[in-house]
Amino acid sequence: MLEQALHCVTPIARAAFEDTGSGPESRPSRAEAEAAVRTLIRWAGDNPAREGLRDTPARVARAYEEWFGGYAMDPVKILGRRFERSGYDDIVLLRDIPLRSTCEHHMAPITGSVHVAYLPGEEVVGLSKLARLVDAFGRRLQIQERLTVEIADALQRELQPRGVAVVVRASHGCMTSRGVNMHGGAMVTRRLLGAFGTEPYRSDILELLADDRGPR
């Protein structure tokens, strides 16, 4: 019953159905989602009918629409507006993009930051688009390894730069709030594509990413 409730309470947008081969008609209704939340409240040992919890199912459904809104975000559209690089041919780096995601194994929060860099080909994008790209993939059920790959590969595929580098540093609620209950640890993942996989750009980007003061 718990697994069924977890399935019902998760709003999955059209993109997810296309990936899994299901149809949009399989998406539960809002009423079903709220019913699943009431089931989980009872599973936790409380009474969903009491005053403090009476409106919680509706609040959770609305919150899930925000937390998992990334399924409805299209990376192609996010990176669709591009500009000529106007002679600039060096590294573009946006550091410390806030990350808020959710672990797909325990549905616990993943919080941290992302650094995204690329070596322009013929075009560049506005910096806000890089942050939106991180947000689009972050607002899904994730594991950090896949998140890192998705951000890097989408940027490489859509912008076609000479190189892409993505580094994710995050703390996982599934480790800090359950199981070993360990705080203070951070998981670091990275993906280097194109020119960033070889010298001299590999050393350049790793130095920039390791130096909190940025370029000198």
Protein backbone atom coordinates (compact mmCIF):
# COMPACT_ATOMS: atom_id res chain seq x y z
CA MET A 1 0.00 0.00 0.00
CA LEU A 2 2.85 2.39 0.80
CA GLU A 3 4.41 1.92 -2.64
CA GLN A 4 1.05 2.55 -4.30
CA ALA A 5 0.57 5.70 -2.24
CA LEU A 6 4.02 7.00 -3.15
CA HIS A 7 3.23 6.43 -6.81
CA CYS A 8 -0.05 8.29 -6.61
CA VAL A 9 1.31 11.28 -4.73
CA THR A 10 4.00 12.01 -7.32
CA PRO A 11 2.82 14.26 -10.19
CA ILE A 12 4.67 13.13 -13.30
CA ALA A 13 4.47 15.40 -16.32
CA ARG A 14 4.24 14.42 -19.98
CA ALA A 15 8.01 14.19 -20.48
CA ALA A 16 8.29 11.48 -17.86
CA PHE A 17 5.49 9.45 -19.44
CA GLU A 18 7.24 9.63 -22.79
CA ASP A 19 10.46 8.35 -21.22
CA THR A 20 8.72 5.41 -19.55
CA GLY A 21 6.42 4.54 -22.44
CA SER A 22 3.27 5.32 -20.45
CA GLY A 23 0.59 7.76 -21.53
CA PRO A 24 -0.55 11.01 -19.93
CA GLU A 25 -3.84 9.32 -19.10
CA SER A 26 -1.89 7.31 -16.49
CA ARG A 27 -1.26 10.43 -14.43
CA PRO A 28 -3.28 10.34 -11.21
CA SER A 29 -5.83 13.05 -10.59
CA ARG A 30 -5.33 15.67 -7.89
CA ALA A 31 -7.95 13.89 -5.77
CA GLU A 32 -5.98 10.65 -6.04
CA ALA A 33 -2.77 12.46 -5.13
CA GLU A 34 -4.38 13.99 -2.05
CA ALA A 35 -5.81 10.61 -1.06
CA ALA A 36 -2.31 9.14 -1.28
CA VAL A 37 -1.01 11.84 1.08
CA ARG A 38 -3.72 10.96 3.58
CA THR A 39 -2.62 7.32 3.33
CA LEU A 40 0.98 8.31 4.10
CA ILE A 41 -0.14 10.39 7.07
CA ARG A 42 -1.97 7.38 8.46
CA TRP A 43 1.11 5.23 7.72
CA ALA A 44 3.19 7.69 9.76
CA GLY A 45 0.79 7.16 12.68
CA ASP A 46 -1.26 10.35 12.65
CA ASN A 47 -4.84 11.26 11.82
CA PRO A 48 -5.27 13.14 8.50
CA ALA A 49 -8.70 14.35 9.67
CA ARG A 50 -7.38 16.32 12.63
CA GLU A 51 -7.39 20.11 12.33
CA GLY A 52 -3.68 20.63 11.77
CA LEU A 53 -3.51 18.04 8.99
CA ARG A 54 -6.88 18.55 7.33
CA ASP A 55 -5.50 20.78 4.55
CA THR A 56 -2.10 19.10 4.33
CA PRO A 57 -2.93 16.80 1.36
CA ALA A 58 -3.90 19.79 -0.81
CA ARG A 59 -0.78 21.68 0.29
CA VAL A 60 1.45 18.72 -0.52
CA ALA A 61 -0.08 18.34 -3.98
CA ARG A 62 0.59 22.00 -4.71
CA ALA A 63 4.12 21.73 -3.34
CA TYR A 64 4.81 18.70 -5.54
CA GLU A 65 3.80 20.72 -8.59
CA GLU A 66 6.61 23.14 -7.70
CA TRP A 67 9.21 20.65 -6.51
CA PHE A 68 8.81 18.44 -9.57
CA GLY A 69 8.00 21.12 -12.10
CA GLY A 70 11.16 20.20 -13.99
CA TYR A 71 9.35 17.43 -15.84
CA ALA A 72 7.44 20.12 -17.73
CA MET A 73 10.56 22.17 -18.52
CA ASP A 74 12.09 21.57 -21.96
CA PRO A 75 15.90 22.03 -22.16
CA VAL A 76 15.57 22.69 -25.90
CA LYS A 77 13.35 25.70 -25.24
CA ILE A 78 15.50 26.88 -22.33
CA LEU A 79 18.60 27.00 -24.54
CA GLY A 80 16.70 27.98 -27.67
CA ARG A 81 17.60 31.68 -27.68
CA ARG A 82 21.28 32.03 -28.52
CA PHE A 83 23.63 34.82 -29.55
CA GLU A 84 26.76 35.15 -31.65
CA ARG A 85 29.85 34.95 -29.48
CA SER A 86 31.17 38.22 -30.99
CA GLY A 87 34.78 37.11 -31.14
CA TYR A 88 34.95 35.76 -27.57
CA ASP A 89 36.62 32.34 -27.58
CA ASP A 90 37.56 31.60 -23.96
CA ILE A 91 35.80 29.86 -21.07
CA VAL A 92 32.33 30.92 -19.89
CA LEU A 93 31.78 29.85 -16.28
CA LEU A 94 28.79 30.31 -13.98
CA ARG A 95 29.64 29.27 -10.44
CA ASP A 96 27.53 28.39 -7.41
CA ILE A 97 24.14 27.87 -9.04
CA PRO A 98 21.85 26.83 -6.16
CA LEU A 99 20.62 23.26 -6.44
CA ARG A 100 17.43 21.89 -4.94
CA SER A 101 16.50 18.38 -5.97
CA THR A 102 14.97 15.18 -4.59
CA CYS A 103 16.56 11.77 -4.19
CA GLU A 104 14.62 9.16 -6.14
CA HIS A 105 15.45 6.40 -3.65
CA HIS A 106 14.00 7.93 -0.48
CA MET A 107 12.41 11.15 -1.80
CA ALA A 108 14.68 13.09 0.54
CA PRO A 109 16.10 16.52 -0.35
CA ILE A 110 19.32 17.05 -2.26
CA THR A 111 20.77 20.54 -1.72
CA GLY A 112 23.98 22.08 -2.91
CA SER A 113 25.46 24.02 -5.79
CA VAL A 114 26.42 23.51 -9.41
CA HIS A 115 29.20 25.02 -11.50
CA VAL A 116 28.59 25.07 -15.26
CA ALA A 117 31.21 26.04 -17.83
CA TYR A 118 31.46 25.86 -21.58
CA LEU A 119 33.91 26.81 -24.31
CA PRO A 120 31.83 28.59 -26.95
CA GLY A 121 31.52 27.31 -30.47
CA GLU A 122 29.64 29.68 -32.73
CA GLU A 123 27.07 30.82 -30.16
CA VAL A 124 26.59 31.71 -26.49
CA VAL A 125 23.53 31.80 -24.22
CA GLY A 126 22.48 34.17 -21.47
CA LEU A 127 23.77 33.16 -18.04
CA SER A 128 20.24 32.86 -16.68
CA LYS A 129 19.66 30.02 -19.15
CA LEU A 130 22.41 27.99 -17.50
CA ALA A 131 20.71 28.44 -14.13
CA ARG A 132 17.34 27.49 -15.65
CA LEU A 133 18.89 24.36 -17.13
CA VAL A 134 20.13 23.28 -13.70
CA ASP A 135 16.71 24.04 -12.22
CA ALA A 136 14.91 22.03 -14.90
CA PHE A 137 16.84 18.85 -14.19
CA GLY A 138 16.99 19.50 -10.45
CA ARG A 139 13.20 19.64 -10.09
CA ARG A 140 12.86 15.94 -10.80
CA LEU A 141 13.41 12.71 -8.93
CA GLN A 142 17.16 12.30 -9.28
CA ILE A 143 20.41 10.70 -8.41
CA GLN A 144 23.31 13.12 -8.46
CA GLU A 145 25.30 11.18 -11.02
CA ARG A 146 22.51 11.30 -13.58
CA LEU A 147 21.76 14.95 -12.81
CA THR A 148 25.38 15.84 -13.62
CA VAL A 149 25.26 13.97 -16.92
CA GLU A 150 21.90 15.43 -17.96
CA ILE A 151 23.00 19.02 -17.44
CA ALA A 152 26.27 18.56 -19.32
CA ASP A 153 24.82 16.54 -22.18
CA ALA A 154 21.91 18.93 -22.76
CA LEU A 155 24.27 21.89 -22.96
CA GLN A 156 26.59 20.01 -25.32
CA ARG A 157 23.75 18.81 -27.53
CA GLU A 158 21.85 22.08 -27.85
CA LEU A 159 24.64 24.68 -27.86
CA GLN A 160 27.35 22.56 -29.55
CA PRO A 161 30.25 24.26 -27.75
CA ARG A 162 33.85 23.10 -27.99
CA GLY A 163 33.70 21.86 -24.43
CA VAL A 164 31.41 21.54 -21.40
CA ALA A 165 32.21 21.12 -17.71
CA VAL A 166 29.68 20.50 -14.95
CA VAL A 167 30.53 20.03 -11.27
CA VAL A 168 27.87 19.29 -8.65
CA ARG A 169 28.51 19.44 -4.90
CA ALA A 170 25.53 18.45 -2.75
CA SER A 171 24.33 17.14 0.59
CA HIS A 172 21.80 14.30 0.62
CA GLY A 173 18.96 14.11 3.11
CA CYS A 174 18.82 10.33 2.76
CA MET A 175 22.22 10.23 4.50
CA THR A 176 21.76 13.10 6.97
CA SER A 177 18.24 12.35 8.22
CA ARG A 178 18.12 8.53 8.16
CA GLY A 179 20.39 5.51 8.00
CA VAL A 180 23.86 6.56 9.16
CA ASN A 181 22.58 10.05 10.12
CA MET A 182 25.84 11.66 9.11
CA HIS A 183 26.04 15.44 8.70
CA GLY A 184 28.67 17.59 7.05
CA GLY A 185 29.52 15.31 4.14
CA ALA A 186 29.14 16.45 0.54
CA MET A 187 29.07 14.40 -2.64
CA VAL A 188 30.98 15.78 -5.63
CA THR A 189 30.37 14.68 -9.22
CA ARG A 190 31.67 16.12 -12.46
CA ARG A 191 31.46 15.67 -16.22
CA LEU A 192 34.02 17.08 -18.65
CA LEU A 193 33.23 16.97 -22.37
CA GLY A 194 35.05 17.99 -25.51
CA ALA A 195 38.05 20.25 -25.09
CA PHE A 196 37.74 20.16 -21.29
CA GLY A 197 38.68 16.50 -21.36
CA THR A 198 42.17 17.23 -22.69
CA GLU A 199 44.99 19.68 -22.04
CA PRO A 200 45.39 22.61 -21.80
CA TYR A 201 41.71 23.31 -21.12
CA ARG A 202 41.36 20.46 -18.65
CA SER A 203 43.87 22.03 -16.27
CA ASP A 204 42.41 25.50 -16.85
CA ILE A 205 38.85 24.55 -15.97
CA LEU A 206 39.82 22.41 -12.99
CA GLU A 207 41.86 25.30 -11.61
CA LEU A 208 38.96 27.71 -12.04
CA LEU A 209 36.54 25.31 -10.40
CA ALA A 210 38.86 24.64 -7.49
CA ASP A 211 39.58 28.32 -6.80
CA ASP A 212 36.74 29.98 -4.89
CA ARG A 213 38.19 33.38 -5.75
CA GLY A 214 37.63 32.78 -9.45
CA PRO A 215 40.09 33.68 -12.19
CA ARG A 216 43.13 35.78 -11.32
